Protein backbone atom coordinates (compact mmCIF):
# COMPACT_ATOMS: atom_id res chain seq x y z
CA MET A 1 -0.03 -0.01 0.01
CA ALA A 2 1.45 3.35 -1.07
CA VAL A 3 1.89 6.14 1.44
CA MET A 4 0.40 9.49 0.45
CA GLN A 5 3.25 11.88 -0.45
CA SER A 6 3.55 15.13 1.35
CA ARG A 7 2.76 17.18 -1.81
CA HIS A 8 -0.51 15.31 -2.24
CA LEU A 9 -1.41 15.93 1.45
CA HIS A 10 -0.46 19.60 1.08
CA LEU A 11 -2.62 19.80 -2.05
CA VAL A 12 -5.65 18.30 -0.33
CA LEU A 13 -5.10 20.61 2.75
CA GLY A 14 -4.83 23.71 0.60
CA ILE A 15 -7.90 22.92 -1.53
CA GLY A 16 -9.74 21.94 1.65
CA CYS A 17 -9.07 25.22 3.41
CA LEU A 18 -10.18 27.25 0.40
CA ALA A 19 -13.33 25.10 0.06
CA LEU A 20 -14.11 25.86 3.76
CA VAL A 21 -13.89 29.58 3.05
CA GLY A 22 -15.98 29.06 -0.05
CA PHE A 23 -18.66 27.23 2.11
CA ALA A 24 -18.62 30.07 4.64
CA VAL A 25 -19.08 32.78 1.99
CA TYR A 26 -21.41 31.12 -0.46
CA TYR A 27 -23.57 29.00 1.81
CA LEU A 28 -23.49 30.37 5.38
CA GLN A 29 -23.25 33.97 4.26
CA GLY A 30 -24.89 33.94 0.76
CA ALA A 31 -27.56 31.30 1.10
CA LEU A 32 -28.38 31.53 4.84
CA GLY A 33 -27.67 35.25 5.21
CA LEU A 34 -25.39 34.89 8.23
CA LEU A 35 -23.10 37.92 8.67
CA PRO A 36 -19.39 37.25 9.59
CA CYS A 37 -18.19 38.81 12.79
CA PRO A 38 -14.63 40.19 13.20
CA LEU A 39 -13.44 36.91 14.60
CA CYS A 40 -15.06 35.10 11.65
CA VAL A 41 -13.19 37.34 9.22
CA MET A 42 -9.89 36.76 11.06
CA GLN A 43 -10.44 32.99 10.92
CA ARG A 44 -11.13 33.29 7.06
CA ILE A 45 -7.75 35.06 6.77
CA ALA A 46 -6.07 32.29 8.70
CA TYR A 47 -7.73 29.60 6.47
CA ILE A 48 -6.73 31.52 3.30
CA LEU A 49 -3.09 31.88 4.54
CA PHE A 50 -2.98 28.15 5.46
CA GLY A 51 -4.50 27.19 2.18
CA PHE A 52 -2.14 29.22 -0.02
CA THR A 53 0.87 28.16 2.10
CA ALA A 54 -0.15 24.46 1.72
CA LEU A 55 -0.63 24.88 -2.04
CA ALA A 56 2.77 26.54 -2.34
CA ALA A 57 4.32 23.61 -0.45
CA ALA A 58 2.50 21.19 -2.77
CA TRP A 59 3.87 23.05 -5.77
CA GLN A 60 7.42 23.59 -4.48
CA ARG A 61 7.82 20.11 -2.92
CA PRO A 62 10.37 21.25 -0.36
CA SER A 63 12.89 18.87 1.18
CA GLY A 64 15.05 19.01 4.27
CA GLY A 65 14.67 22.21 6.33
CA GLY A 66 12.22 23.63 3.77
CA ARG A 67 9.67 20.98 4.67
CA TRP A 68 9.89 22.09 8.32
CA LEU A 69 9.72 25.78 7.32
CA TYR A 70 6.44 25.07 5.59
CA ALA A 71 5.31 22.98 8.55
CA GLY A 72 6.17 25.90 10.86
CA LEU A 73 4.15 28.41 8.67
CA LEU A 74 1.27 26.06 8.56
CA GLY A 75 1.46 25.59 12.27
CA VAL A 76 1.42 29.40 12.80
CA TRP A 77 -1.61 29.85 10.60
CA SER A 78 -3.56 26.92 12.08
CA LEU A 79 -2.75 27.67 15.73
CA THR A 80 -3.56 31.39 15.21
CA GLY A 81 -6.89 30.34 13.71
CA ALA A 82 -7.43 27.86 16.54
CA ALA A 83 -6.77 30.61 19.15
CA ILE A 84 -9.22 32.97 17.44
CA ALA A 85 -11.87 30.18 17.11
CA GLY A 86 -11.29 29.23 20.73
CA TRP A 87 -11.91 32.78 21.90
CA GLN A 88 -15.08 32.88 19.91
CA VAL A 89 -16.27 29.61 21.36
CA TYR A 90 -15.65 31.06 24.78
CA LEU A 91 -17.64 34.22 23.82
CA THR A 92 -20.57 32.04 22.66
CA TYR A 93 -20.84 30.54 26.11
CA HIS A 94 -19.98 33.76 27.99
CA PRO A 95 -21.26 36.65 25.82
CA GLN A 96 -20.84 39.15 28.68
CA ALA A 97 -17.00 38.59 28.55
CA ALA A 98 -16.41 41.02 25.75
CA GLU A 99 -18.32 43.48 23.58
CA CYS A 100 -18.31 42.27 20.04
CA GLY A 101 -20.96 44.45 18.41
CA VAL A 102 -19.32 47.53 16.83
CA SER A 103 -15.91 46.84 18.37
CA PRO A 104 -12.46 48.25 17.63
CA GLU A 105 -11.68 44.97 15.88
CA GLU A 106 -14.63 45.46 13.63
CA ARG A 107 -13.76 49.10 12.74
CA PHE A 108 -10.11 48.01 12.14
CA LEU A 109 -11.02 45.11 9.85
CA ASN A 110 -13.62 47.18 7.91
CA SER A 111 -11.05 49.92 7.38
CA LEU A 112 -8.60 47.52 5.67
CA PRO A 113 -8.26 47.56 1.94
CA LEU A 114 -9.39 43.90 1.83
CA SER A 115 -12.81 44.79 3.12
CA GLN A 116 -13.13 47.52 0.51
CA TRP A 117 -11.83 45.29 -2.23
CA TRP A 118 -14.03 42.26 -1.41
CA PRO A 119 -16.59 43.15 1.09
CA ALA A 120 -18.58 39.91 0.86
CA MET A 121 -15.41 38.15 2.02
CA PHE A 122 -13.74 40.44 4.48
CA GLU A 123 -16.29 42.88 5.84
CA ALA A 124 -17.17 42.22 9.46
CA ASN A 125 -20.82 42.94 10.56
CA GLY A 126 -21.98 40.07 12.72
CA ASP A 127 -22.12 39.42 16.40
CA CYS A 128 -19.29 37.16 17.69
CA ALA A 129 -21.26 35.72 20.51
CA ARG A 130 -24.35 34.83 18.52
CA VAL A 131 -24.97 31.17 17.41
CA ASP A 132 -27.22 31.16 14.32
CA TRP A 133 -26.35 27.82 12.72
CA THR A 134 -25.20 24.47 14.01
CA PHE A 135 -24.10 21.12 12.43
CA LEU A 136 -24.17 18.02 14.49
CA GLY A 137 -24.87 20.11 17.57
CA LEU A 138 -21.74 22.17 17.05
CA SER A 139 -21.63 25.91 16.30
CA VAL A 140 -19.49 27.42 13.47
CA PRO A 141 -16.75 28.54 15.86
CA GLU A 142 -16.66 25.04 17.47
CA LEU A 143 -16.39 23.44 14.04
CA SER A 144 -13.76 25.89 13.02
CA LEU A 145 -11.68 25.22 16.22
CA ILE A 146 -11.81 21.48 15.40
CA ALA A 147 -10.80 22.11 11.81
CA PHE A 148 -7.81 24.32 12.83
CA ILE A 149 -6.56 21.64 15.27
CA LEU A 150 -6.85 19.00 12.53
CA LEU A 151 -5.06 21.21 10.06
CA ALA A 152 -2.23 21.59 12.52
CA GLY A 153 -1.96 17.82 12.93
CA PHE A 154 -2.11 17.18 9.21
CA ALA A 155 0.59 19.82 8.65
CA ILE A 156 2.94 17.85 10.90
CA ILE A 157 1.94 14.61 9.21
CA ALA A 158 2.72 16.13 5.83
CA ALA A 159 6.12 17.29 6.97
CA ARG A 160 6.94 13.70 7.96
CA ARG A 161 5.74 12.13 4.74
CA PRO A 162 8.20 11.09 2.04
CA ALA A 163 8.95 13.73 -0.60
CA THR A 164 9.63 12.56 -4.12
CA ARG A 165 10.72 14.69 -6.97
């Protein structure tokens, strides 16, 4: 039985991350009308950074220290996303812990060129503590936290897989 090469795993991770962002934008936001909050937008950015870094690793097929450099970058993006998602999970259970309506984070994110360039993707208007949709009893932030933890684990697995040229 053949072992999946690191480039294939990186390719799957990259496409998977971009598919998750697409799901959030086109289904959750477009079809269901859910507005992303500042923490959701920051998680989207982490998914996009992870996805493009994974695709770059799949394309470049690094070896030696380069593999661990990519693993480190993927770890930074996934753990940053997990920290943001974890904070949002906390806020959903303790909404009084922080004000997340029109917050400094929202004003900052909405003033960035990204939110002007592609408002449907990067404009933050939602309430971070509100749970409007669940899947298998888990809220979007809980699902996102699980996804980021899995991404970190798969990034380590990808770095340990054989690389062929």
